[in-house]
Amino acid sequence: MRLQLALNVADLEEAIAFYSKLFGVTVNKRKPGYANFAIDEPPLKLVLFENPEAAERLNHLGVEVFDDEQVAKAADRLEEAGLADLVEKEATCCYAVQNKVWATDPQGMRWEWYRVLED
């Protein structure tokens, strides 16, 4: 399991250069307007969306897990607590197929608990 931090950035190239140096890693996936880093230490999935017009830098937060059972348990827990906004199965997002459940905190921050099925 690792936390995910998804940021809106004004300039994707500039952000990739900065975060590569900050964490000492190379970009894991790169597509038009999108990049991500799979960082081992600290365990972090850093996602960058090129969105210069975004009102906020923080796009959303997440928890990446590595088997469907963990997504199902999170979905059950969030549904029982009345927190699950949306459950998605085999949804295409960030150039990957994923199973996920979404929740929104009281101030509007979106969280996803997800597993990548196909990249």
C-alpha atoms as a PDB file:
ATOM      1  CA  MET A   1       0.000   0.000   0.000  1.00  0.00           C
ATOM      2  CA  ARG A   2       1.162   3.545  -0.677  1.00  0.00           C
ATOM      3  CA  LEU A   3      -0.395   6.975  -0.487  1.00  0.00           C
ATOM      4  CA  GLN A   4      -1.204   8.896  -3.627  1.00  0.00           C
ATOM      5  CA  LEU A   5      -0.838  12.646  -4.001  1.00  0.00           C
ATOM      6  CA  ALA A   6      -2.330  14.080  -7.207  1.00  0.00           C
ATOM      7  CA  LEU A   7      -1.323  17.645  -8.044  1.00  0.00           C
ATOM      8  CA  ASN A   8      -2.427  20.161 -10.644  1.00  0.00           C
ATOM      9  CA  VAL A   9       0.656  21.789 -12.174  1.00  0.00           C
ATOM     10  CA  ALA A  10       1.029  24.746 -14.525  1.00  0.00           C
ATOM     11  CA  ASP A  11       3.991  23.330 -16.467  1.00  0.00           C
ATOM     12  CA  LEU A  12       4.364  19.552 -16.659  1.00  0.00           C
ATOM     13  CA  GLU A  13       7.999  19.601 -17.851  1.00  0.00           C
ATOM     14  CA  GLU A  14       9.051  21.917 -15.038  1.00  0.00           C
ATOM     15  CA  ALA A  15       7.207  19.798 -12.454  1.00  0.00           C
ATOM     16  CA  ILE A  16       8.719  16.539 -13.748  1.00  0.00           C
ATOM     17  CA  ALA A  17      12.214  18.025 -13.506  1.00  0.00           C
ATOM     18  CA  PHE A  18      11.592  19.292  -9.969  1.00  0.00           C
ATOM     19  CA  TYR A  19      10.025  16.110  -8.554  1.00  0.00           C
ATOM     20  CA  SER A  20      12.613  13.869 -10.243  1.00  0.00           C
ATOM     21  CA  LYS A  21      15.314  15.761  -8.349  1.00  0.00           C
ATOM     22  CA  LEU A  22      13.312  16.090  -5.122  1.00  0.00           C
ATOM     23  CA  PHE A  23      12.740  12.330  -4.780  1.00  0.00           C
ATOM     24  CA  GLY A  24      15.768  11.123  -6.761  1.00  0.00           C
ATOM     25  CA  VAL A  25      13.660   9.054  -9.171  1.00  0.00           C
ATOM     26  CA  THR A  26      12.664   9.077 -12.818  1.00  0.00           C
ATOM     27  CA  VAL A  27       9.131   9.459 -14.070  1.00  0.00           C
ATOM     28  CA  ASN A  28       7.233   6.148 -14.065  1.00  0.00           C
ATOM     29  CA  LYS A  29       4.537   6.990 -16.638  1.00  0.00           C
ATOM     30  CA  ARG A  30       4.219   9.933 -18.977  1.00  0.00           C
ATOM     31  CA  LYS A  31       1.353  10.829 -21.314  1.00  0.00           C
ATOM     32  CA  PRO A  32       0.112  14.130 -22.757  1.00  0.00           C
ATOM     33  CA  GLY A  33      -0.701  16.398 -19.802  1.00  0.00           C
ATOM     34  CA  TYR A  34      -0.019  13.609 -17.293  1.00  0.00           C
ATOM     35  CA  ALA A  35       2.884  12.026 -15.437  1.00  0.00           C
ATOM     36  CA  ASN A  36       3.319   9.849 -12.393  1.00  0.00           C
ATOM     37  CA  PHE A  37       6.119   8.707 -10.137  1.00  0.00           C
ATOM     38  CA  ALA A  38       6.066   5.392  -8.231  1.00  0.00           C
ATOM     39  CA  ILE A  39       8.312   6.220  -5.282  1.00  0.00           C
ATOM     40  CA  ASP A  40       9.553   3.498  -2.922  1.00  0.00           C
ATOM     41  CA  GLU A  41      10.867   5.762  -0.149  1.00  0.00           C
ATOM     42  CA  PRO A  42       8.627   7.208   1.081  1.00  0.00           C
ATOM     43  CA  PRO A  43       5.980   4.874  -0.383  1.00  0.00           C
ATOM     44  CA  LEU A  44       4.190   7.412  -2.591  1.00  0.00           C
ATOM     45  CA  LYS A  45       2.438   7.555  -5.951  1.00  0.00           C
ATOM     46  CA  LEU A  46       2.901  11.157  -7.082  1.00  0.00           C
ATOM     47  CA  VAL A  47       0.564  12.106  -9.937  1.00  0.00           C
ATOM     48  CA  LEU A  48       0.877  15.318 -11.942  1.00  0.00           C
ATOM     49  CA  PHE A  49      -1.918  16.758 -14.078  1.00  0.00           C
ATOM     50  CA  GLU A  50      -0.987  19.664 -16.338  1.00  0.00           C
ATOM     51  CA  ASN A  51      -3.808  22.058 -15.532  1.00  0.00           C
ATOM     52  CA  PRO A  52      -2.590  25.681 -15.491  1.00  0.00           C
ATOM     53  CA  GLU A  53      -6.111  27.034 -14.975  1.00  0.00           C
ATOM     54  CA  ALA A  54      -6.834  24.945 -11.858  1.00  0.00           C
ATOM     55  CA  ALA A  55      -7.980  26.953  -8.861  1.00  0.00           C
ATOM     56  CA  GLU A  56      -6.278  24.520  -6.460  1.00  0.00           C
ATOM     57  CA  ARG A  57      -2.895  22.775  -6.599  1.00  0.00           C
ATOM     58  CA  LEU A  58      -4.192  19.636  -4.903  1.00  0.00           C
ATOM     59  CA  ASN A  59      -6.266  17.564  -7.331  1.00  0.00           C
ATOM     60  CA  HIS A  60      -7.116  14.623  -5.040  1.00  0.00           C
ATOM     61  CA  LEU A  61      -5.606  12.116  -2.605  1.00  0.00           C
ATOM     62  CA  GLY A  62      -5.623   8.356  -2.697  1.00  0.00           C
ATOM     63  CA  VAL A  63      -4.452   5.036  -1.398  1.00  0.00           C
ATOM     64  CA  GLU A  64      -3.050   2.610  -3.965  1.00  0.00           C
ATOM     65  CA  VAL A  65      -3.383  -1.067  -3.049  1.00  0.00           C
ATOM     66  CA  PHE A  66      -2.199  -4.118  -4.911  1.00  0.00           C
ATOM     67  CA  ASP A  67      -5.101  -6.587  -4.786  1.00  0.00           C
ATOM     68  CA  ASP A  68      -8.845  -6.394  -5.368  1.00  0.00           C
ATOM     69  CA  GLU A  69      -9.663  -7.704  -1.897  1.00  0.00           C
ATOM     70  CA  GLN A  70      -8.231  -4.518  -0.378  1.00  0.00           C
ATOM     71  CA  VAL A  71     -10.407  -2.368  -2.668  1.00  0.00           C
ATOM     72  CA  ALA A  72     -13.476  -4.447  -1.801  1.00  0.00           C
ATOM     73  CA  LYS A  73     -12.792  -4.154   1.943  1.00  0.00           C
ATOM     74  CA  ALA A  74     -12.356  -0.389   1.630  1.00  0.00           C
ATOM     75  CA  ALA A  75     -15.574  -0.128  -0.398  1.00  0.00           C
ATOM     76  CA  ASP A  76     -17.498  -2.156   2.207  1.00  0.00           C
ATOM     77  CA  ARG A  77     -16.088  -0.089   5.071  1.00  0.00           C
ATOM     78  CA  LEU A  78     -16.821   3.227   3.363  1.00  0.00           C
ATOM     79  CA  GLU A  79     -20.313   2.163   2.272  1.00  0.00           C
ATOM     80  CA  GLU A  80     -21.161   0.987   5.815  1.00  0.00           C
ATOM     81  CA  ALA A  81     -19.961   4.331   7.169  1.00  0.00           C
ATOM     82  CA  GLY A  82     -22.015   6.248   4.585  1.00  0.00           C
ATOM     83  CA  LEU A  83     -18.857   7.735   3.034  1.00  0.00           C
ATOM     84  CA  ALA A  84     -18.656   6.019  -0.368  1.00  0.00           C
ATOM     85  CA  ASP A  85     -19.510   8.468  -3.148  1.00  0.00           C
ATOM     86  CA  LEU A  86     -18.825   6.179  -6.080  1.00  0.00           C
ATOM     87  CA  VAL A  87     -17.599   2.629  -6.664  1.00  0.00           C
ATOM     88  CA  GLU A  88     -15.985   2.030 -10.053  1.00  0.00           C
ATOM     89  CA  LYS A  89     -15.038  -1.319 -11.540  1.00  0.00           C
ATOM     90  CA  GLU A  90     -12.657  -1.555 -14.480  1.00  0.00           C
ATOM     91  CA  ALA A  91     -12.764   2.221 -14.951  1.00  0.00           C
ATOM     92  CA  THR A  92     -10.239   3.860 -17.251  1.00  0.00           C
ATOM     93  CA  CYS A  93      -8.423   6.658 -15.443  1.00  0.00           C
ATOM     94  CA  CYS A  94      -4.918   8.093 -15.751  1.00  0.00           C
ATOM     95  CA  TYR A  95      -4.192   5.888 -18.773  1.00  0.00           C
ATOM     96  CA  ALA A  96      -4.888   2.718 -16.746  1.00  0.00           C
ATOM     97  CA  VAL A  97      -7.793   0.386 -15.941  1.00  0.00           C
ATOM     98  CA  GLN A  98      -8.641   0.475 -12.232  1.00  0.00           C
ATOM     99  CA  ASN A  99     -11.065  -0.713  -9.575  1.00  0.00           C
ATOM    100  CA  LYS A 100     -11.745   2.018  -7.033  1.00  0.00           C
ATOM    101  CA  VAL A 101     -13.994   3.587  -4.459  1.00  0.00           C
ATOM    102  CA  TRP A 102     -14.276   7.348  -3.898  1.00  0.00           C
ATOM    103  CA  ALA A 103     -15.122   9.366  -0.779  1.00  0.00           C
ATOM    104  CA  THR A 104     -15.218  13.111  -0.143  1.00  0.00           C
ATOM    105  CA  ASP A 105     -14.186  14.667   3.170  1.00  0.00           C
ATOM    106  CA  PRO A 106     -16.320  17.360   4.873  1.00  0.00           C
ATOM    107  CA  GLN A 107     -14.348  20.179   3.192  1.00  0.00           C
ATOM    108  CA  GLY A 108     -14.666  18.646  -0.272  1.00  0.00           C
ATOM    109  CA  MET A 109     -11.300  16.840  -0.676  1.00  0.00           C
ATOM    110  CA  ARG A 110     -11.736  13.752  -2.853  1.00  0.00           C
ATOM    111  CA  TRP A 111     -10.060  10.496  -1.827  1.00  0.00           C
ATOM    112  CA  GLU A 112      -9.783   7.320  -3.891  1.00  0.00           C
ATOM    113  CA  TRP A 113      -8.889   3.822  -2.727  1.00  0.00           C
ATOM    114  CA  TYR A 114      -7.781   1.964  -5.864  1.00  0.00           C
ATOM    115  CA  ARG A 115      -5.949  -0.857  -7.614  1.00  0.00           C
ATOM    116  CA  VAL A 116      -4.464  -0.665 -11.110  1.00  0.00           C
ATOM    117  CA  LEU A 117      -5.637  -3.669 -13.140  1.00  0.00           C
ATOM    118  CA  GLU A 118      -3.981  -2.838 -16.445  1.00  0.00           C
ATOM    119  CA  ASP A 119      -1.493  -0.117 -17.234  1.00  0.00           C
END
